[in-house]
Amino acid sequence: MTVSYVGDRFQPTEQVDVYYAAKDVKRNYRVIGHVSELVGGFGGEERVKMEIIKKCKEVGADAVKLLILSRIQVSLKT
């Protein structure tokens, strides 16, 4: 699992607040970058969440807004 990050870097942080919607953030903030990871397999979302938080700490973020997208393969029998 490799988390991709594009953005600014600061001193590492110890605590990262996790949000799931921008409306839940009750303080002023500035976006410092974008992080992504491909979730593979059933139940991989929690592992990815922990890896993203780890990466956020490394780059000096104090919060992250998670957006987890699922890709579903659909086939049609004819």
PDB file of N, CA and C in Angstrom:
ATOM      1  N   MET A   1       0.860  -1.175   0.000  1.00  0.00           N
ATOM      2  CA  MET A   1       0.000   0.000   0.000  1.00  0.00           C
ATOM      3  C   MET A   1       0.900   1.231   0.000  1.00  0.00           C
ATOM      4  N   THR A   2       0.705   2.101  -0.974  1.00  0.00           N
ATOM      5  CA  THR A   2       1.496   3.322  -1.078  1.00  0.00           C
ATOM      6  C   THR A   2       0.557   4.519  -1.152  1.00  0.00           C
ATOM      7  N   VAL A   3       0.689   5.405  -0.200  1.00  0.00           N
ATOM      8  CA  VAL A   3      -0.118   6.617  -0.174  1.00  0.00           C
ATOM      9  C   VAL A   3       0.596   7.678  -0.995  1.00  0.00           C
ATOM     10  N   SER A   4      -0.118   8.275  -1.948  1.00  0.00           N
ATOM     11  CA  SER A   4       0.445   9.341  -2.782  1.00  0.00           C
ATOM     12  C   SER A   4       0.087  10.697  -2.179  1.00  0.00           C
ATOM     13  N   TYR A   5       1.070  11.605  -2.164  1.00  0.00           N
ATOM     14  CA  TYR A   5       0.839  12.950  -1.617  1.00  0.00           C
ATOM     15  C   TYR A   5       1.454  13.985  -2.537  1.00  0.00           C
ATOM     16  N   VAL A   6       0.696  15.031  -2.793  1.00  0.00           N
ATOM     17  CA  VAL A   6       1.176  16.187  -3.551  1.00  0.00           C
ATOM     18  C   VAL A   6       0.811  17.421  -2.745  1.00  0.00           C
ATOM     19  N   GLY A   7       1.818  18.219  -2.392  1.00  0.00           N
ATOM     20  CA  GLY A   7       1.522  19.433  -1.646  1.00  0.00           C
ATOM     21  C   GLY A   7       2.704  19.915  -0.839  1.00  0.00           C
ATOM     22  N   ASP A   8       2.435  20.865   0.047  1.00  0.00           N
ATOM     23  CA  ASP A   8       3.456  21.447   0.903  1.00  0.00           C
ATOM     24  C   ASP A   8       3.792  20.485   2.045  1.00  0.00           C
ATOM     25  N   ARG A   9       4.980  20.679   2.624  1.00  0.00           N
ATOM     26  CA  ARG A   9       5.408  19.874   3.769  1.00  0.00           C
ATOM     27  C   ARG A   9       5.860  20.804   4.892  1.00  0.00           C
ATOM     28  N   PHE A  10       5.514  20.404   6.113  1.00  0.00           N
ATOM     29  CA  PHE A  10       5.855  21.162   7.311  1.00  0.00           C
ATOM     30  C   PHE A  10       6.454  20.205   8.334  1.00  0.00           C
ATOM     31  N   GLN A  11       6.738  20.709   9.522  1.00  0.00           N
ATOM     32  CA  GLN A  11       7.221  19.848  10.597  1.00  0.00           C
ATOM     33  C   GLN A  11       6.165  18.781  10.887  1.00  0.00           C
ATOM     34  N   PRO A  12       6.579  17.544  11.133  1.00  0.00           N
ATOM     35  CA  PRO A  12       5.617  16.478  11.437  1.00  0.00           C
ATOM     36  C   PRO A  12       4.728  16.830  12.632  1.00  0.00           C
ATOM     37  N   THR A  13       3.517  16.310  12.613  1.00  0.00           N
ATOM     38  CA  THR A  13       2.566  16.526  13.705  1.00  0.00           C
ATOM     39  C   THR A  13       2.287  15.207  14.411  1.00  0.00           C
ATOM     40  N   GLU A  14       1.773  15.306  15.626  1.00  0.00           N
ATOM     41  CA  GLU A  14       1.437  14.123  16.422  1.00  0.00           C
ATOM     42  C   GLU A  14      -0.046  13.775  16.339  1.00  0.00           C
ATOM     43  N   GLN A  15      -0.877  14.775  16.101  1.00  0.00           N
ATOM     44  CA  GLN A  15      -2.331  14.588  16.123  1.00  0.00           C
ATOM     45  C   GLN A  15      -2.938  15.074  14.812  1.00  0.00           C
ATOM     46  N   VAL A  16      -3.804  14.260  14.217  1.00  0.00           N
ATOM     47  CA  VAL A  16      -4.522  14.639  13.000  1.00  0.00           C
ATOM     48  C   VAL A  16      -6.012  14.433  13.250  1.00  0.00           C
ATOM     49  N   ASP A  17      -6.777  15.527  13.171  1.00  0.00           N
ATOM     50  CA  ASP A  17      -8.231  15.427  13.292  1.00  0.00           C
ATOM     51  C   ASP A  17      -8.790  14.908  11.975  1.00  0.00           C
ATOM     52  N   VAL A  18      -9.782  14.026  12.056  1.00  0.00           N
ATOM     53  CA  VAL A  18     -10.370  13.417  10.864  1.00  0.00           C
ATOM     54  C   VAL A  18     -11.793  13.928  10.680  1.00  0.00           C
ATOM     55  N   TYR A  19     -12.077  14.407   9.469  1.00  0.00           N
ATOM     56  CA  TYR A  19     -13.408  14.887   9.109  1.00  0.00           C
ATOM     57  C   TYR A  19     -13.879  14.127   7.874  1.00  0.00           C
ATOM     58  N   TYR A  20     -15.186  14.066   7.724  1.00  0.00           N
ATOM     59  CA  TYR A  20     -15.772  13.393   6.564  1.00  0.00           C
ATOM     60  C   TYR A  20     -16.558  14.357   5.687  1.00  0.00           C
ATOM     61  N   ALA A  21     -16.744  15.585   6.154  1.00  0.00           N
ATOM     62  CA  ALA A  21     -17.435  16.615   5.371  1.00  0.00           C
ATOM     63  C   ALA A  21     -16.860  17.974   5.759  1.00  0.00           C
ATOM     64  N   ALA A  22     -16.678  18.843   4.772  1.00  0.00           N
ATOM     65  CA  ALA A  22     -16.123  20.174   5.022  1.00  0.00           C
ATOM     66  C   ALA A  22     -16.984  20.964   5.998  1.00  0.00           C
ATOM     67  N   LYS A  23     -18.293  20.742   5.982  1.00  0.00           N
ATOM     68  CA  LYS A  23     -19.189  21.483   6.879  1.00  0.00           C
ATOM     69  C   LYS A  23     -18.947  21.156   8.350  1.00  0.00           C
ATOM     70  N   ASP A  24     -18.275  20.052   8.623  1.00  0.00           N
ATOM     71  CA  ASP A  24     -17.989  19.667  10.005  1.00  0.00           C
ATOM     72  C   ASP A  24     -16.771  20.394  10.589  1.00  0.00           C
ATOM     73  N   VAL A  25     -15.983  21.028   9.743  1.00  0.00           N
ATOM     74  CA  VAL A  25     -14.799  21.755  10.206  1.00  0.00           C
ATOM     75  C   VAL A  25     -15.254  23.105  10.731  1.00  0.00           C
ATOM     76  N   LYS A  26     -15.061  23.350  12.013  1.00  0.00           N
ATOM     77  CA  LYS A  26     -15.569  24.561  12.662  1.00  0.00           C
ATOM     78  C   LYS A  26     -14.491  25.608  12.901  1.00  0.00           C
ATOM     79  N   ARG A  27     -13.375  25.518  12.178  1.00  0.00           N
ATOM     80  CA  ARG A  27     -12.304  26.510  12.311  1.00  0.00           C
ATOM     81  C   ARG A  27     -11.782  26.839  10.921  1.00  0.00           C
ATOM     82  N   ASN A  28     -11.090  27.970  10.825  1.00  0.00           N
ATOM     83  CA  ASN A  28     -10.492  28.334   9.547  1.00  0.00           C
ATOM     84  C   ASN A  28      -9.412  27.315   9.202  1.00  0.00           C
ATOM     85  N   TYR A  29      -9.291  27.003   7.929  1.00  0.00           N
ATOM     86  CA  TYR A  29      -8.257  26.066   7.516  1.00  0.00           C
ATOM     87  C   TYR A  29      -7.728  26.428   6.142  1.00  0.00           C
ATOM     88  N   ARG A  30      -6.573  25.868   5.833  1.00  0.00           N
ATOM     89  CA  ARG A  30      -5.948  26.058   4.534  1.00  0.00           C
ATOM     90  C   ARG A  30      -5.567  24.679   4.023  1.00  0.00           C
ATOM     91  N   VAL A  31      -5.894  24.396   2.793  1.00  0.00           N
ATOM     92  CA  VAL A  31      -5.518  23.130   2.180  1.00  0.00           C
ATOM     93  C   VAL A  31      -4.028  23.188   1.861  1.00  0.00           C
ATOM     94  N   ILE A  32      -3.266  22.195   2.347  1.00  0.00           N
ATOM     95  CA  ILE A  32      -1.824  22.175   2.084  1.00  0.00           C
ATOM     96  C   ILE A  32      -1.451  21.114   1.051  1.00  0.00           C
ATOM     97  N   GLY A  33      -2.385  20.216   0.716  1.00  0.00           N
ATOM     98  CA  GLY A  33      -2.060  19.187  -0.253  1.00  0.00           C
ATOM     99  C   GLY A  33      -3.205  18.218  -0.456  1.00  0.00           C
ATOM    100  N   HIS A  34      -2.921  17.222  -1.292  1.00  0.00           N
ATOM    101  CA  HIS A  34      -3.904  16.181  -1.603  1.00  0.00           C
ATOM    102  C   HIS A  34      -3.236  14.825  -1.455  1.00  0.00           C
ATOM    103  N   VAL A  35      -3.935  13.912  -0.824  1.00  0.00           N
ATOM    104  CA  VAL A  35      -3.420  12.578  -0.575  1.00  0.00           C
ATOM    105  C   VAL A  35      -4.399  11.572  -1.174  1.00  0.00           C
ATOM    106  N   SER A  36      -3.871  10.472  -1.714  1.00  0.00           N
ATOM    107  CA  SER A  36      -4.760   9.459  -2.286  1.00  0.00           C
ATOM    108  C   SER A  36      -4.161   8.074  -2.120  1.00  0.00           C
ATOM    109  N   GLU A  37      -5.033   7.098  -2.163  1.00  0.00           N
ATOM    110  CA  GLU A  37      -4.645   5.696  -2.075  1.00  0.00           C
ATOM    111  C   GLU A  37      -5.749   4.861  -2.695  1.00  0.00           C
ATOM    112  N   LEU A  38      -5.379   3.834  -3.402  1.00  0.00           N
ATOM    113  CA  LEU A  38      -6.342   2.921  -3.997  1.00  0.00           C
ATOM    114  C   LEU A  38      -6.676   1.850  -2.973  1.00  0.00           C
ATOM    115  N   VAL A  39      -7.961   1.701  -2.670  1.00  0.00           N
ATOM    116  CA  VAL A  39      -8.407   0.694  -1.716  1.00  0.00           C
ATOM    117  C   VAL A  39      -8.619  -0.604  -2.470  1.00  0.00           C
ATOM    118  N   GLY A  40      -7.950  -1.641  -2.033  1.00  0.00           N
ATOM    119  CA  GLY A  40      -8.103  -2.945  -2.671  1.00  0.00           C
ATOM    120  C   GLY A  40      -8.671  -3.962  -1.701  1.00  0.00           C
ATOM    121  N   GLY A  41      -9.647  -4.701  -2.134  1.00  0.00           N
ATOM    122  CA  GLY A  41     -10.212  -5.755  -1.299  1.00  0.00           C
ATOM    123  C   GLY A  41     -11.287  -5.263  -0.364  1.00  0.00           C
ATOM    124  N   PHE A  42     -12.078  -6.202   0.107  1.00  0.00           N
ATOM    125  CA  PHE A  42     -13.172  -5.899   1.025  1.00  0.00           C
ATOM    126  C   PHE A  42     -12.620  -5.486   2.378  1.00  0.00           C
ATOM    127  N   GLY A  43     -13.125  -4.393   2.923  1.00  0.00           N
ATOM    128  CA  GLY A  43     -12.720  -3.951   4.252  1.00  0.00           C
ATOM    129  C   GLY A  43     -11.403  -3.201   4.297  1.00  0.00           C
ATOM    130  N   GLY A  44     -10.864  -2.834   3.140  1.00  0.00           N
ATOM    131  CA  GLY A  44      -9.587  -2.142   3.103  1.00  0.00           C
ATOM    132  C   GLY A  44      -9.659  -0.685   3.499  1.00  0.00           C
ATOM    133  N   GLU A  45     -10.852  -0.145   3.622  1.00  0.00           N
ATOM    134  CA  GLU A  45     -11.010   1.280   3.909  1.00  0.00           C
ATOM    135  C   GLU A  45     -10.374   1.694   5.230  1.00  0.00           C
ATOM    136  N   GLU A  46     -10.501   0.865   6.258  1.00  0.00           N
ATOM    137  CA  GLU A  46      -9.935   1.227   7.566  1.00  0.00           C
ATOM    138  C   GLU A  46      -8.411   1.239   7.520  1.00  0.00           C
ATOM    139  N   ARG A  47      -7.820   0.284   6.805  1.00  0.00           N
ATOM    140  CA  ARG A  47      -6.358   0.268   6.647  1.00  0.00           C
ATOM    141  C   ARG A  47      -5.889   1.507   5.912  1.00  0.00           C
ATOM    142  N   VAL A  48      -6.604   1.862   4.851  1.00  0.00           N
ATOM    143  CA  VAL A  48      -6.236   3.047   4.076  1.00  0.00           C
ATOM    144  C   VAL A  48      -6.377   4.296   4.923  1.00  0.00           C
ATOM    145  N   LYS A  49      -7.437   4.383   5.699  1.00  0.00           N
ATOM    146  CA  LYS A  49      -7.638   5.538   6.584  1.00  0.00           C
ATOM    147  C   LYS A  49      -6.431   5.707   7.506  1.00  0.00           C
ATOM    148  N   MET A  50      -5.952   4.627   8.107  1.00  0.00           N
ATOM    149  CA  MET A  50      -4.815   4.702   9.023  1.00  0.00           C
ATOM    150  C   MET A  50      -3.537   5.103   8.284  1.00  0.00           C
ATOM    151  N   GLU A  51      -3.344   4.617   7.063  1.00  0.00           N
ATOM    152  CA  GLU A  51      -2.168   4.989   6.277  1.00  0.00           C
ATOM    153  C   GLU A  51      -2.215   6.461   5.874  1.00  0.00           C
ATOM    154  N   ILE A  52      -3.410   6.957   5.544  1.00  0.00           N
ATOM    155  CA  ILE A  52      -3.563   8.373   5.188  1.00  0.00           C
ATOM    156  C   ILE A  52      -3.258   9.249   6.396  1.00  0.00           C
ATOM    157  N   ILE A  53      -3.751   8.873   7.564  1.00  0.00           N
ATOM    158  CA  ILE A  53      -3.465   9.638   8.785  1.00  0.00           C
ATOM    159  C   ILE A  53      -1.967   9.643   9.058  1.00  0.00           C
ATOM    160  N   LYS A  54      -1.319   8.508   8.878  1.00  0.00           N
ATOM    161  CA  LYS A  54       0.130   8.419   9.066  1.00  0.00           C
ATOM    162  C   LYS A  54       0.855   9.381   8.116  1.00  0.00           C
ATOM    163  N   LYS A  55       0.455   9.396   6.843  1.00  0.00           N
ATOM    164  CA  LYS A  55       1.073  10.294   5.864  1.00  0.00           C
ATOM    165  C   LYS A  55       0.822  11.755   6.243  1.00  0.00           C
ATOM    166  N   CYS A  56      -0.385  12.066   6.706  1.00  0.00           N
ATOM    167  CA  CYS A  56      -0.707  13.438   7.116  1.00  0.00           C
ATOM    168  C   CYS A  56       0.204  13.900   8.247  1.00  0.00           C
ATOM    169  N   LYS A  57       0.451  13.029   9.208  1.00  0.00           N
ATOM    170  CA  LYS A  57       1.370  13.364  10.294  1.00  0.00           C
ATOM    171  C   LYS A  57       2.765  13.645   9.755  1.00  0.00           C
ATOM    172  N   GLU A  58       3.220  12.820   8.814  1.00  0.00           N
ATOM    173  CA  GLU A  58       4.565  12.974   8.238  1.00  0.00           C
ATOM    174  C   GLU A  58       4.742  14.319   7.542  1.00  0.00           C
ATOM    175  N   VAL A  59       3.694  14.791   6.846  1.00  0.00           N
ATOM    176  CA  VAL A  59       3.819  16.039   6.078  1.00  0.00           C
ATOM    177  C   VAL A  59       3.435  17.273   6.886  1.00  0.00           C
ATOM    178  N   GLY A  60       3.022  17.089   8.147  1.00  0.00           N
ATOM    179  CA  GLY A  60       2.745  18.221   9.013  1.00  0.00           C
ATOM    180  C   GLY A  60       1.310  18.704   9.008  1.00  0.00           C
ATOM    181  N   ALA A  61       0.388  17.883   8.543  1.00  0.00           N
ATOM    182  CA  ALA A  61      -1.028  18.270   8.570  1.00  0.00           C
ATOM    183  C   ALA A  61      -1.582  18.096   9.978  1.00  0.00           C
ATOM    184  N   ASP A  62      -2.562  18.923  10.338  1.00  0.00           N
ATOM    185  CA  ASP A  62      -3.211  18.753  11.636  1.00  0.00           C
ATOM    186  C   ASP A  62      -4.652  18.271  11.481  1.00  0.00           C
ATOM    187  N   ALA A  63      -5.101  18.111  10.227  1.00  0.00           N
ATOM    188  CA  ALA A  63      -6.446  17.604   9.978  1.00  0.00           C
ATOM    189  C   ALA A  63      -6.506  17.046   8.556  1.00  0.00           C
ATOM    190  N   VAL A  64      -7.494  16.178   8.333  1.00  0.00           N
ATOM    191  CA  VAL A  64      -7.717  15.613   7.005  1.00  0.00           C
ATOM    192  C   VAL A  64      -9.220  15.415   6.814  1.00  0.00           C
ATOM    193  N   LYS A  65      -9.682  15.696   5.604  1.00  0.00           N
ATOM    194  CA  LYS A  65     -11.072  15.399   5.247  1.00  0.00           C
ATOM    195  C   LYS A  65     -11.036  14.204   4.321  1.00  0.00           C
ATOM    196  N   LEU A  66     -11.594  13.100   4.789  1.00  0.00           N
ATOM    197  CA  LEU A  66     -11.564  11.864   4.024  1.00  0.00           C
ATOM    198  C   LEU A  66     -12.724  11.778   3.049  1.00  0.00           C
ATOM    199  N   LEU A  67     -12.409  11.290   1.879  1.00  0.00           N
ATOM    200  CA  LEU A  67     -13.411  10.984   0.870  1.00  0.00           C
ATOM    201  C   LEU A  67     -13.067   9.601   0.360  1.00  0.00           C
ATOM    202  N   ILE A  68     -13.872   8.633   0.723  1.00  0.00           N
ATOM    203  CA  ILE A  68     -13.596   7.259   0.320  1.00  0.00           C
ATOM    204  C   ILE A  68     -14.536   6.903  -0.818  1.00  0.00           C
ATOM    205  N   LEU A  69     -13.926   6.588  -1.937  1.00  0.00           N
ATOM    206  CA  LEU A  69     -14.688   6.206  -3.122  1.00  0.00           C
ATOM    207  C   LEU A  69     -14.535   4.708  -3.330  1.00  0.00           C
ATOM    208  N   SER A  70     -15.611   4.075  -3.717  1.00  0.00           N
ATOM    209  CA  SER A  70     -15.584   2.647  -4.013  1.00  0.00           C
ATOM    210  C   SER A  70     -15.779   2.446  -5.501  1.00  0.00           C
ATOM    211  N   ARG A  71     -15.046   1.515  -6.034  1.00  0.00           N
ATOM    212  CA  ARG A  71     -15.206   1.160  -7.427  1.00  0.00           C
ATOM    213  C   ARG A  71     -15.846  -0.219  -7.472  1.00  0.00           C
ATOM    214  N   ILE A  72     -16.956  -0.306  -8.154  1.00  0.00           N
ATOM    215  CA  ILE A  72     -17.694  -1.559  -8.243  1.00  0.00           C
ATOM    216  C   ILE A  72     -17.691  -2.016  -9.695  1.00  0.00           C
ATOM    217  N   GLN A  73     -17.328  -3.274  -9.895  1.00  0.00           N
ATOM    218  CA  GLN A  73     -17.339  -3.827 -11.231  1.00  0.00           C
ATOM    219  C   GLN A  73     -18.683  -4.521 -11.450  1.00  0.00           C
ATOM    220  N   VAL A  74     -19.333  -4.151 -12.521  1.00  0.00           N
ATOM    221  CA  VAL A  74     -20.642  -4.722 -12.849  1.00  0.00           C
ATOM    222  C   VAL A  74     -20.508  -5.403 -14.196  1.00  0.00           C
ATOM    223  N   SER A  75     -21.037  -6.621 -14.286  1.00  0.00           N
ATOM    224  CA  SER A  75     -21.030  -7.308 -15.575  1.00  0.00           C
ATOM    225  C   SER A  75     -22.446  -7.756 -15.914  1.00  0.00           C
ATOM    226  N   LEU A  76     -22.665  -7.955 -17.181  1.00  0.00           N
ATOM    227  CA  LEU A  76     -23.987  -8.326 -17.667  1.00  0.00           C
ATOM    228  C   LEU A  76     -23.868  -9.614 -18.453  1.00  0.00           C
ATOM    229  N   LYS A  77     -24.613 -10.623 -18.031  1.00  0.00           N
ATOM    230  CA  LYS A  77     -24.648 -11.883 -18.774  1.00  0.00           C
ATOM    231  C   LYS A  77     -25.616 -11.750 -19.933  1.00  0.00           C
ATOM    232  N   THR A  78     -25.188 -12.202 -21.070  1.00  0.00           N
ATOM    233  CA  THR A  78     -26.105 -12.155 -22.221  1.00  0.00           C
ATOM    234  C   THR A  78     -26.381 -13.538 -22.750  1.00  0.00           C
TER     235      THR A  78
END
